[in-house]
Amino acid sequence: MNGGGGSLRSLRWVILIAFLALVLVLLASGHLLVGALLCALAAFRIVLILLFARRRRAFSDRRNSDPVHRLLRRLARREFTVAANAMGMEPAQLRQEFTRGARLPR
């Protein structure tokens, strides 16, 4: 989630702000019960967004310090090198093609 993850999180906050604006309009127009209920739902959503962001950071911190994860990443780099040599390509070019999702020649 490197490229689109940040924009998705931003979109969640934008939707939440628009939702809170709707709640304020409802409360101002005298719809107290519906406004209060939607306000409680918005508060719950804020808690969920913050909780998941915290869990995501904790997971990425743990994953980066895990020796098994580092070993697997090293092995994956070597596999790219072996595959690139077998196809007559540079490993960096193979990684780019793999990241782009392009179909490689057989």
PDB file of N, CA and C in Angstrom:
ATOM      1  N   MET A   1       0.798  -1.176   0.000  1.00  0.00           N
ATOM      2  CA  MET A   1       0.000   0.000   0.000  1.00  0.00           C
ATOM      3  C   MET A   1       0.849   1.252   0.000  1.00  0.00           C
ATOM      4  N   ASN A   2       1.846   1.244  -0.787  1.00  0.00           N
ATOM      5  CA  ASN A   2       2.698   2.413  -0.757  1.00  0.00           C
ATOM      6  C   ASN A   2       2.110   3.583  -1.508  1.00  0.00           C
ATOM      7  N   GLY A   3       1.661   3.350  -2.747  1.00  0.00           N
ATOM      8  CA  GLY A   3       1.162   4.457  -3.542  1.00  0.00           C
ATOM      9  C   GLY A   3      -0.226   4.887  -3.165  1.00  0.00           C
ATOM     10  N   GLY A   4      -1.165   3.944  -3.126  1.00  0.00           N
ATOM     11  CA  GLY A   4      -2.557   4.312  -2.923  1.00  0.00           C
ATOM     12  C   GLY A   4      -2.992   4.334  -1.478  1.00  0.00           C
ATOM     13  N   GLY A   5      -2.175   3.813  -0.575  1.00  0.00           N
ATOM     14  CA  GLY A   5      -2.567   3.739   0.823  1.00  0.00           C
ATOM     15  C   GLY A   5      -2.795   5.082   1.461  1.00  0.00           C
ATOM     16  N   GLY A   6      -1.921   6.026   1.172  1.00  0.00           N
ATOM     17  CA  GLY A   6      -2.057   7.357   1.753  1.00  0.00           C
ATOM     18  C   GLY A   6      -3.280   8.080   1.237  1.00  0.00           C
ATOM     19  N   SER A   7      -3.559   7.942  -0.048  1.00  0.00           N
ATOM     20  CA  SER A   7      -4.727   8.621  -0.596  1.00  0.00           C
ATOM     21  C   SER A   7      -6.017   7.995  -0.089  1.00  0.00           C
ATOM     22  N   LEU A   8      -6.006   6.688   0.155  1.00  0.00           N
ATOM     23  CA  LEU A   8      -7.185   6.029   0.712  1.00  0.00           C
ATOM     24  C   LEU A   8      -7.440   6.498   2.132  1.00  0.00           C
ATOM     25  N   ARG A   9      -6.378   6.635   2.917  1.00  0.00           N
ATOM     26  CA  ARG A   9      -6.537   7.146   4.283  1.00  0.00           C
ATOM     27  C   ARG A   9      -7.048   8.588   4.251  1.00  0.00           C
ATOM     28  N   SER A  10      -6.524   9.382   3.338  1.00  0.00           N
ATOM     29  CA  SER A  10      -6.991  10.767   3.218  1.00  0.00           C
ATOM     30  C   SER A  10      -8.460  10.813   2.831  1.00  0.00           C
ATOM     31  N   LEU A  11      -8.852   9.942   1.916  1.00  0.00           N
ATOM     32  CA  LEU A  11     -10.255   9.885   1.503  1.00  0.00           C
ATOM     33  C   LEU A  11     -11.157   9.520   2.673  1.00  0.00           C
ATOM     34  N   ARG A  12     -10.708   8.603   3.512  1.00  0.00           N
ATOM     35  CA  ARG A  12     -11.500   8.242   4.705  1.00  0.00           C
ATOM     36  C   ARG A  12     -11.711   9.454   5.601  1.00  0.00           C
ATOM     37  N   TRP A  13     -10.679  10.242   5.797  1.00  0.00           N
ATOM     38  CA  TRP A  13     -10.815  11.430   6.646  1.00  0.00           C
ATOM     39  C   TRP A  13     -11.723  12.465   5.991  1.00  0.00           C
ATOM     40  N   VAL A  14     -11.633  12.636   4.679  1.00  0.00           N
ATOM     41  CA  VAL A  14     -12.488  13.593   3.974  1.00  0.00           C
ATOM     42  C   VAL A  14     -13.951  13.180   4.099  1.00  0.00           C
ATOM     43  N   ILE A  15     -14.231  11.886   3.928  1.00  0.00           N
ATOM     44  CA  ILE A  15     -15.606  11.405   4.073  1.00  0.00           C
ATOM     45  C   ILE A  15     -16.097  11.629   5.492  1.00  0.00           C
ATOM     46  N   LEU A  16     -15.229  11.375   6.457  1.00  0.00           N
ATOM     47  CA  LEU A  16     -15.614  11.570   7.855  1.00  0.00           C
ATOM     48  C   LEU A  16     -15.911  13.041   8.146  1.00  0.00           C
ATOM     49  N   ILE A  17     -15.132  13.951   7.608  1.00  0.00           N
ATOM     50  CA  ILE A  17     -15.366  15.385   7.819  1.00  0.00           C
ATOM     51  C   ILE A  17     -16.680  15.807   7.175  1.00  0.00           C
ATOM     52  N   ALA A  18     -16.958  15.298   5.980  1.00  0.00           N
ATOM     53  CA  ALA A  18     -18.234  15.606   5.324  1.00  0.00           C
ATOM     54  C   ALA A  18     -19.401  15.046   6.140  1.00  0.00           C
ATOM     55  N   PHE A  19     -19.224  13.869   6.707  1.00  0.00           N
ATOM     56  CA  PHE A  19     -20.245  13.264   7.549  1.00  0.00           C
ATOM     57  C   PHE A  19     -20.496  14.114   8.791  1.00  0.00           C
ATOM     58  N   LEU A  20     -19.415  14.618   9.401  1.00  0.00           N
ATOM     59  CA  LEU A  20     -19.575  15.482  10.573  1.00  0.00           C
ATOM     60  C   LEU A  20     -20.264  16.795  10.215  1.00  0.00           C
ATOM     61  N   ALA A  21     -20.000  17.309   9.021  1.00  0.00           N
ATOM     62  CA  ALA A  21     -20.694  18.523   8.578  1.00  0.00           C
ATOM     63  C   ALA A  21     -22.193  18.252   8.447  1.00  0.00           C
ATOM     64  N   LEU A  22     -22.544  17.090   7.929  1.00  0.00           N
ATOM     65  CA  LEU A  22     -23.954  16.703   7.842  1.00  0.00           C
ATOM     66  C   LEU A  22     -24.573  16.610   9.232  1.00  0.00           C
ATOM     67  N   VAL A  23     -23.837  16.056  10.172  1.00  0.00           N
ATOM     68  CA  VAL A  23     -24.324  15.959  11.548  1.00  0.00           C
ATOM     69  C   VAL A  23     -24.595  17.355  12.101  1.00  0.00           C
ATOM     70  N   LEU A  24     -23.685  18.291  11.871  1.00  0.00           N
ATOM     71  CA  LEU A  24     -23.882  19.659  12.365  1.00  0.00           C
ATOM     72  C   LEU A  24     -25.122  20.300  11.741  1.00  0.00           C
ATOM     73  N   VAL A  25     -25.339  20.056  10.451  1.00  0.00           N
ATOM     74  CA  VAL A  25     -26.532  20.595   9.786  1.00  0.00           C
ATOM     75  C   VAL A  25     -27.794  20.000  10.411  1.00  0.00           C
ATOM     76  N   LEU A  26     -27.778  18.701  10.656  1.00  0.00           N
ATOM     77  CA  LEU A  26     -28.940  18.057  11.275  1.00  0.00           C
ATOM     78  C   LEU A  26     -29.204  18.603  12.672  1.00  0.00           C
ATOM     79  N   LEU A  27     -28.143  18.776  13.449  1.00  0.00           N
ATOM     80  CA  LEU A  27     -28.320  19.307  14.808  1.00  0.00           C
ATOM     81  C   LEU A  27     -28.823  20.744  14.771  1.00  0.00           C
ATOM     82  N   ALA A  28     -28.309  21.533  13.840  1.00  0.00           N
ATOM     83  CA  ALA A  28     -28.722  22.933  13.744  1.00  0.00           C
ATOM     84  C   ALA A  28     -30.166  23.069  13.269  1.00  0.00           C
ATOM     85  N   SER A  29     -30.626  22.099  12.474  1.00  0.00           N
ATOM     86  CA  SER A  29     -31.991  22.192  11.959  1.00  0.00           C
ATOM     87  C   SER A  29     -33.017  21.577  12.910  1.00  0.00           C
ATOM     88  N   GLY A  30     -32.569  21.103  14.067  1.00  0.00           N
ATOM     89  CA  GLY A  30     -33.503  20.619  15.076  1.00  0.00           C
ATOM     90  C   GLY A  30     -33.710  19.117  15.091  1.00  0.00           C
ATOM     91  N   HIS A  31     -33.001  18.374  14.281  1.00  0.00           N
ATOM     92  CA  HIS A  31     -33.113  16.914  14.274  1.00  0.00           C
ATOM     93  C   HIS A  31     -32.102  16.347  15.276  1.00  0.00           C
ATOM     94  N   LEU A  32     -32.412  16.521  16.555  1.00  0.00           N
ATOM     95  CA  LEU A  32     -31.455  16.198  17.602  1.00  0.00           C
ATOM     96  C   LEU A  32     -31.207  14.697  17.726  1.00  0.00           C
ATOM     97  N   LEU A  33     -32.252  13.883  17.643  1.00  0.00           N
ATOM     98  CA  LEU A  33     -32.076  12.439  17.827  1.00  0.00           C
ATOM     99  C   LEU A  33     -31.223  11.843  16.706  1.00  0.00           C
ATOM    100  N   VAL A  34     -31.563  12.166  15.476  1.00  0.00           N
ATOM    101  CA  VAL A  34     -30.796  11.639  14.336  1.00  0.00           C
ATOM    102  C   VAL A  34     -29.376  12.205  14.360  1.00  0.00           C
ATOM    103  N   GLY A  35     -29.247  13.489  14.659  1.00  0.00           N
ATOM    104  CA  GLY A  35     -27.928  14.116  14.717  1.00  0.00           C
ATOM    105  C   GLY A  35     -27.054  13.504  15.792  1.00  0.00           C
ATOM    106  N   ALA A  36     -27.648  13.235  16.965  1.00  0.00           N
ATOM    107  CA  ALA A  36     -26.880  12.628  18.057  1.00  0.00           C
ATOM    108  C   ALA A  36     -26.461  11.204  17.704  1.00  0.00           C
ATOM    109  N   LEU A  37     -27.358  10.459  17.068  1.00  0.00           N
ATOM    110  CA  LEU A  37     -27.025   9.096  16.668  1.00  0.00           C
ATOM    111  C   LEU A  37     -25.892   9.094  15.640  1.00  0.00           C
ATOM    112  N   LEU A  38     -25.981   9.954  14.653  1.00  0.00           N
ATOM    113  CA  LEU A  38     -24.926  10.035  13.639  1.00  0.00           C
ATOM    114  C   LEU A  38     -23.611  10.554  14.229  1.00  0.00           C
ATOM    115  N   CYS A  39     -23.704  11.419  15.219  1.00  0.00           N
ATOM    116  CA  CYS A  39     -22.508  11.923  15.904  1.00  0.00           C
ATOM    117  C   CYS A  39     -21.808  10.774  16.635  1.00  0.00           C
ATOM    118  N   ALA A  40     -22.592   9.913  17.283  1.00  0.00           N
ATOM    119  CA  ALA A  40     -22.013   8.757  17.965  1.00  0.00           C
ATOM    120  C   ALA A  40     -21.354   7.814  16.968  1.00  0.00           C
ATOM    121  N   LEU A  41     -21.990   7.604  15.811  1.00  0.00           N
ATOM    122  CA  LEU A  41     -21.387   6.763  14.772  1.00  0.00           C
ATOM    123  C   LEU A  41     -20.090   7.372  14.239  1.00  0.00           C
ATOM    124  N   ALA A  42     -20.064   8.683  14.084  1.00  0.00           N
ATOM    125  CA  ALA A  42     -18.845   9.357  13.611  1.00  0.00           C
ATOM    126  C   ALA A  42     -17.718   9.208  14.634  1.00  0.00           C
ATOM    127  N   ALA A  43     -18.051   9.332  15.910  1.00  0.00           N
ATOM    128  CA  ALA A  43     -17.034   9.163  16.956  1.00  0.00           C
ATOM    129  C   ALA A  43     -16.483   7.742  16.933  1.00  0.00           C
ATOM    130  N   PHE A  44     -17.364   6.771  16.745  1.00  0.00           N
ATOM    131  CA  PHE A  44     -16.935   5.382  16.654  1.00  0.00           C
ATOM    132  C   PHE A  44     -16.007   5.187  15.456  1.00  0.00           C
ATOM    133  N   ARG A  45     -16.330   5.818  14.340  1.00  0.00           N
ATOM    134  CA  ARG A  45     -15.503   5.706  13.139  1.00  0.00           C
ATOM    135  C   ARG A  45     -14.122   6.328  13.350  1.00  0.00           C
ATOM    136  N   ILE A  46     -14.068   7.443  14.052  1.00  0.00           N
ATOM    137  CA  ILE A  46     -12.781   8.082  14.356  1.00  0.00           C
ATOM    138  C   ILE A  46     -11.913   7.137  15.182  1.00  0.00           C
ATOM    139  N   VAL A  47     -12.525   6.515  16.181  1.00  0.00           N
ATOM    140  CA  VAL A  47     -11.782   5.572  17.023  1.00  0.00           C
ATOM    141  C   VAL A  47     -11.247   4.417  16.167  1.00  0.00           C
ATOM    142  N   LEU A  48     -12.060   3.885  15.263  1.00  0.00           N
ATOM    143  CA  LEU A  48     -11.610   2.786  14.407  1.00  0.00           C
ATOM    144  C   LEU A  48     -10.460   3.202  13.496  1.00  0.00           C
ATOM    145  N   ILE A  49     -10.565   4.376  12.895  1.00  0.00           N
ATOM    146  CA  ILE A  49      -9.500   4.846  12.004  1.00  0.00           C
ATOM    147  C   ILE A  49      -8.188   4.981  12.769  1.00  0.00           C
ATOM    148  N   LEU A  50      -8.243   5.580  13.948  1.00  0.00           N
ATOM    149  CA  LEU A  50      -7.028   5.761  14.746  1.00  0.00           C
ATOM    150  C   LEU A  50      -6.478   4.430  15.242  1.00  0.00           C
ATOM    151  N   LEU A  51      -7.360   3.520  15.635  1.00  0.00           N
ATOM    152  CA  LEU A  51      -6.928   2.207  16.111  1.00  0.00           C
ATOM    153  C   LEU A  51      -6.241   1.425  15.008  1.00  0.00           C
ATOM    154  N   PHE A  52      -6.826   1.404  13.810  1.00  0.00           N
ATOM    155  CA  PHE A  52      -6.214   0.665  12.711  1.00  0.00           C
ATOM    156  C   PHE A  52      -4.902   1.297  12.265  1.00  0.00           C
ATOM    157  N   ALA A  53      -4.799   2.608  12.328  1.00  0.00           N
ATOM    158  CA  ALA A  53      -3.535   3.263  11.970  1.00  0.00           C
ATOM    159  C   ALA A  53      -2.442   2.868  12.959  1.00  0.00           C
ATOM    160  N   ARG A  54      -2.791   2.800  14.222  1.00  0.00           N
ATOM    161  CA  ARG A  54      -1.821   2.413  15.243  1.00  0.00           C
ATOM    162  C   ARG A  54      -1.393   0.955  15.063  1.00  0.00           C
ATOM    163  N   ARG A  55      -2.349   0.083  14.775  1.00  0.00           N
ATOM    164  CA  ARG A  55      -2.030  -1.328  14.566  1.00  0.00           C
ATOM    165  C   ARG A  55      -1.163  -1.513  13.322  1.00  0.00           C
ATOM    166  N   ARG A  56      -1.437  -0.736  12.272  1.00  0.00           N
ATOM    167  CA  ARG A  56      -0.658  -0.837  11.041  1.00  0.00           C
ATOM    168  C   ARG A  56       0.794  -0.420  11.307  1.00  0.00           C
ATOM    169  N   ARG A  57       0.995   0.656  12.079  1.00  0.00           N
ATOM    170  CA  ARG A  57       2.359   1.088  12.407  1.00  0.00           C
ATOM    171  C   ARG A  57       3.072   0.034  13.246  1.00  0.00           C
ATOM    172  N   ALA A  58       2.377  -0.545  14.227  1.00  0.00           N
ATOM    173  CA  ALA A  58       2.992  -1.561  15.078  1.00  0.00           C
ATOM    174  C   ALA A  58       3.372  -2.789  14.254  1.00  0.00           C
ATOM    175  N   PHE A  59       2.520  -3.171  13.306  1.00  0.00           N
ATOM    176  CA  PHE A  59       2.819  -4.329  12.464  1.00  0.00           C
ATOM    177  C   PHE A  59       4.023  -4.060  11.582  1.00  0.00           C
ATOM    178  N   SER A  60       4.096  -2.882  10.975  1.00  0.00           N
ATOM    179  CA  SER A  60       5.235  -2.593  10.089  1.00  0.00           C
ATOM    180  C   SER A  60       6.526  -2.482  10.887  1.00  0.00           C
ATOM    181  N   ASP A  61       6.473  -1.935  12.111  1.00  0.00           N
ATOM    182  CA  ASP A  61       7.676  -1.867  12.944  1.00  0.00           C
ATOM    183  C   ASP A  61       8.161  -3.268  13.299  1.00  0.00           C
ATOM    184  N   ARG A  62       7.234  -4.148  13.671  1.00  0.00           N
ATOM    185  CA  ARG A  62       7.595  -5.511  14.046  1.00  0.00           C
ATOM    186  C   ARG A  62       8.132  -6.274  12.836  1.00  0.00           C
ATOM    187  N   ARG A  63       7.515  -6.070  11.676  1.00  0.00           N
ATOM    188  CA  ARG A  63       7.927  -6.786  10.479  1.00  0.00           C
ATOM    189  C   ARG A  63       9.339  -6.373  10.062  1.00  0.00           C
ATOM    190  N   ASN A  64       9.668  -5.091  10.190  1.00  0.00           N
ATOM    191  CA  ASN A  64      10.993  -4.621   9.773  1.00  0.00           C
ATOM    192  C   ASN A  64      12.097  -5.117  10.695  1.00  0.00           C
ATOM    193  N   SER A  65      11.769  -5.429  11.949  1.00  0.00           N
ATOM    194  CA  SER A  65      12.798  -5.885  12.875  1.00  0.00           C
ATOM    195  C   SER A  65      12.861  -7.408  12.959  1.00  0.00           C
ATOM    196  N   ASP A  66      11.984  -8.107  12.273  1.00  0.00           N
ATOM    197  CA  ASP A  66      11.931  -9.563  12.330  1.00  0.00           C
ATOM    198  C   ASP A  66      13.053 -10.163  11.484  1.00  0.00           C
ATOM    199  N   PRO A  67      13.934 -11.001  12.075  1.00  0.00           N
ATOM    200  CA  PRO A  67      15.035 -11.570  11.293  1.00  0.00           C
ATOM    201  C   PRO A  67      14.558 -12.525  10.198  1.00  0.00           C
ATOM    202  N   VAL A  68      13.462 -13.212  10.417  1.00  0.00           N
ATOM    203  CA  VAL A  68      12.941 -14.116   9.388  1.00  0.00           C
ATOM    204  C   VAL A  68      12.473 -13.315   8.177  1.00  0.00           C
ATOM    205  N   HIS A  69      11.821 -12.185   8.440  1.00  0.00           N
ATOM    206  CA  HIS A  69      11.359 -11.333   7.340  1.00  0.00           C
ATOM    207  C   HIS A  69      12.542 -10.804   6.533  1.00  0.00           C
ATOM    208  N   ARG A  70      13.596 -10.405   7.224  1.00  0.00           N
ATOM    209  CA  ARG A  70      14.788  -9.913   6.517  1.00  0.00           C
ATOM    210  C   ARG A  70      15.422 -11.016   5.678  1.00  0.00           C
ATOM    211  N   LEU A  71      15.450 -12.253   6.213  1.00  0.00           N
ATOM    212  CA  LEU A  71      16.005 -13.375   5.471  1.00  0.00           C
ATOM    213  C   LEU A  71      15.181 -13.652   4.211  1.00  0.00           C
ATOM    214  N   LEU A  72      13.857 -13.625   4.345  1.00  0.00           N
ATOM    215  CA  LEU A  72      12.996 -13.873   3.184  1.00  0.00           C
ATOM    216  C   LEU A  72      13.159 -12.796   2.117  1.00  0.00           C
ATOM    217  N   ARG A  73      13.330 -11.550   2.537  1.00  0.00           N
ATOM    218  CA  ARG A  73      13.545 -10.475   1.562  1.00  0.00           C
ATOM    219  C   ARG A  73      14.871 -10.674   0.819  1.00  0.00           C
ATOM    220  N   ARG A  74      15.908 -11.087   1.553  1.00  0.00           N
ATOM    221  CA  ARG A  74      17.201 -11.350   0.916  1.00  0.00           C
ATOM    222  C   ARG A  74      17.080 -12.487  -0.095  1.00  0.00           C
ATOM    223  N   LEU A  75      16.368 -13.551   0.290  1.00  0.00           N
ATOM    224  CA  LEU A  75      16.183 -14.677  -0.627  1.00  0.00           C
ATOM    225  C   LEU A  75      15.387 -14.259  -1.858  1.00  0.00           C
ATOM    226  N   ALA A  76      14.388 -13.407  -1.681  1.00  0.00           N
ATOM    227  CA  ALA A  76      13.595 -12.939  -2.827  1.00  0.00           C
ATOM    228  C   ALA A  76      14.463 -12.144  -3.792  1.00  0.00           C
ATOM    229  N   ARG A  77      15.374 -11.328  -3.275  1.00  0.00           N
ATOM    230  CA  ARG A  77      16.277 -10.575  -4.149  1.00  0.00           C
ATOM    231  C   ARG A  77      17.132 -11.538  -4.978  1.00  0.00           C
ATOM    232  N   ARG A  78      17.620 -12.587  -4.326  1.00  0.00           N
ATOM    233  CA  ARG A  78      18.441 -13.568  -5.053  1.00  0.00           C
ATOM    234  C   ARG A  78      17.614 -14.287  -6.120  1.00  0.00           C
ATOM    235  N   GLU A  79      16.374 -14.571  -5.819  1.00  0.00           N
ATOM    236  CA  GLU A  79      15.510 -15.241  -6.800  1.00  0.00           C
ATOM    237  C   GLU A  79      15.291 -14.352  -8.023  1.00  0.00           C
ATOM    238  N   PHE A  80      15.136 -13.044  -7.810  1.00  0.00           N
ATOM    239  CA  PHE A  80      15.018 -12.119  -8.938  1.00  0.00           C
ATOM    240  C   PHE A  80      16.284 -12.156  -9.777  1.00  0.00           C
ATOM    241  N   THR A  81      17.426 -12.218  -9.130  1.00  0.00           N
ATOM    242  CA  THR A  81      18.692 -12.257  -9.860  1.00  0.00           C
ATOM    243  C   THR A  81      18.792 -13.527 -10.696  1.00  0.00           C
ATOM    244  N   VAL A  82      18.446 -14.663 -10.107  1.00  0.00           N
ATOM    245  CA  VAL A  82      18.503 -15.940 -10.834  1.00  0.00           C
ATOM    246  C   VAL A  82      17.529 -15.923 -12.005  1.00  0.00           C
ATOM    247  N   ALA A  83      16.300 -15.465 -11.772  1.00  0.00           N
ATOM    248  CA  ALA A  83      15.288 -15.427 -12.841  1.00  0.00           C
ATOM    249  C   ALA A  83      15.713 -14.470 -13.953  1.00  0.00           C
ATOM    250  N   ALA A  84      16.274 -13.324 -13.582  1.00  0.00           N
ATOM    251  CA  ALA A  84      16.702 -12.352 -14.591  1.00  0.00           C
ATOM    252  C   ALA A  84      17.829 -12.920 -15.436  1.00  0.00           C
ATOM    253  N   ASN A  85      18.778 -13.583 -14.804  1.00  0.00           N
ATOM    254  CA  ASN A  85      19.879 -14.189 -15.555  1.00  0.00           C
ATOM    255  C   ASN A  85      19.366 -15.271 -16.491  1.00  0.00           C
ATOM    256  N   ALA A  86      18.389 -16.046 -16.057  1.00  0.00           N
ATOM    257  CA  ALA A  86      17.837 -17.110 -16.891  1.00  0.00           C
ATOM    258  C   ALA A  86      17.125 -16.542 -18.118  1.00  0.00           C
ATOM    259  N   MET A  87      16.548 -15.355 -17.975  1.00  0.00           N
ATOM    260  CA  MET A  87      15.827 -14.729 -19.099  1.00  0.00           C
ATOM    261  C   MET A  87      16.701 -13.768 -19.881  1.00  0.00           C
ATOM    262  N   GLY A  88      17.947 -13.563 -19.426  1.00  0.00           N
ATOM    263  CA  GLY A  88      18.843 -12.661 -20.126  1.00  0.00           C
ATOM    264  C   GLY A  88      18.509 -11.194 -19.890  1.00  0.00           C
ATOM    265  N   MET A  89      18.023 -10.865 -18.702  1.00  0.00           N
ATOM    266  CA  MET A  89      17.660  -9.482 -18.352  1.00  0.00           C
ATOM    267  C   MET A  89      18.487  -9.037 -17.159  1.00  0.00           C
ATOM    268  N   GLU A  90      18.459  -7.750 -16.928  1.00  0.00           N
ATOM    269  CA  GLU A  90      19.046  -7.208 -15.709  1.00  0.00           C
ATOM    270  C   GLU A  90      18.044  -7.393 -14.569  1.00  0.00           C
ATOM    271  N   PRO A  91      18.493  -7.687 -13.335  1.00  0.00           N
ATOM    272  CA  PRO A  91      17.568  -7.848 -12.205  1.00  0.00           C
ATOM    273  C   PRO A  91      16.707  -6.608 -11.953  1.00  0.00           C
ATOM    274  N   ALA A  92      17.294  -5.420 -12.127  1.00  0.00           N
ATOM    275  CA  ALA A  92      16.518  -4.189 -11.907  1.00  0.00           C
ATOM    276  C   ALA A  92      15.389  -4.072 -12.931  1.00  0.00           C
ATOM    277  N   GLN A  93      15.678  -4.449 -14.171  1.00  0.00           N
ATOM    278  CA  GLN A  93      14.652  -4.388 -15.215  1.00  0.00           C
ATOM    279  C   GLN A  93      13.538  -5.390 -14.915  1.00  0.00           C
ATOM    280  N   LEU A  94      13.897  -6.591 -14.455  1.00  0.00           N
ATOM    281  CA  LEU A  94      12.898  -7.595 -14.103  1.00  0.00           C
ATOM    282  C   LEU A  94      12.022  -7.109 -12.952  1.00  0.00           C
ATOM    283  N   ARG A  95      12.645  -6.480 -11.956  1.00  0.00           N
ATOM    284  CA  ARG A  95      11.862  -5.945 -10.829  1.00  0.00           C
ATOM    285  C   ARG A  95      10.875  -4.881 -11.308  1.00  0.00           C
ATOM    286  N   GLN A  96      11.318  -4.008 -12.206  1.00  0.00           N
ATOM    287  CA  GLN A  96      10.424  -2.980 -12.734  1.00  0.00           C
ATOM    288  C   GLN A  96       9.249  -3.599 -13.473  1.00  0.00           C
ATOM    289  N   GLU A  97       9.538  -4.577 -14.313  1.00  0.00           N
ATOM    290  CA  GLU A  97       8.475  -5.245 -15.061  1.00  0.00           C
ATOM    291  C   GLU A  97       7.523  -5.964 -14.107  1.00  0.00           C
ATOM    292  N   PHE A  98       8.071  -6.594 -13.086  1.00  0.00           N
ATOM    293  CA  PHE A  98       7.250  -7.299 -12.101  1.00  0.00           C
ATOM    294  C   PHE A  98       6.360  -6.317 -11.340  1.00  0.00           C
ATOM    295  N   THR A  99       6.912  -5.176 -10.954  1.00  0.00           N
ATOM    296  CA  THR A  99       6.146  -4.159 -10.234  1.00  0.00           C
ATOM    297  C   THR A  99       5.040  -3.589 -11.102  1.00  0.00           C
ATOM    298  N   ARG A 100       5.338  -3.376 -12.386  1.00  0.00           N
ATOM    299  CA  ARG A 100       4.339  -2.859 -13.307  1.00  0.00           C
ATOM    300  C   ARG A 100       3.266  -3.877 -13.628  1.00  0.00           C
ATOM    301  N   GLY A 101       3.582  -5.152 -13.447  1.00  0.00           N
ATOM    302  CA  GLY A 101       2.624  -6.202 -13.758  1.00  0.00           C
ATOM    303  C   GLY A 101       2.662  -6.623 -15.212  1.00  0.00           C
ATOM    304  N   ALA A 102       3.718  -6.295 -15.893  1.00  0.00           N
ATOM    305  CA  ALA A 102       3.826  -6.635 -17.318  1.00  0.00           C
ATOM    306  C   ALA A 102       4.072  -8.131 -17.475  1.00  0.00           C
ATOM    307  N   ARG A 103       3.585  -8.652 -18.578  1.00  0.00           N
ATOM    308  CA  ARG A 103       3.837 -10.065 -18.895  1.00  0.00           C
ATOM    309  C   ARG A 103       5.217 -10.170 -19.527  1.00  0.00           C
ATOM    310  N   LEU A 104       5.997 -11.091 -19.008  1.00  0.00           N
ATOM    311  CA  LEU A 104       7.352 -11.256 -19.508  1.00  0.00           C
ATOM    312  C   LEU A 104       7.383 -12.337 -20.581  1.00  0.00           C
ATOM    313  N   PRO A 105       8.358 -12.253 -21.494  1.00  0.00           N
ATOM    314  CA  PRO A 105       8.477 -13.289 -22.528  1.00  0.00           C
ATOM    315  C   PRO A 105       8.867 -14.621 -21.908  1.00  0.00           C
ATOM    316  N   ARG A 106       8.393 -15.696 -22.503  1.00  0.00           N
ATOM    317  CA  ARG A 106       8.717 -17.040 -21.972  1.00  0.00           C
ATOM    318  C   ARG A 106       9.909 -17.623 -22.643  1.00  0.00           C
TER     319      ARG A 106
END
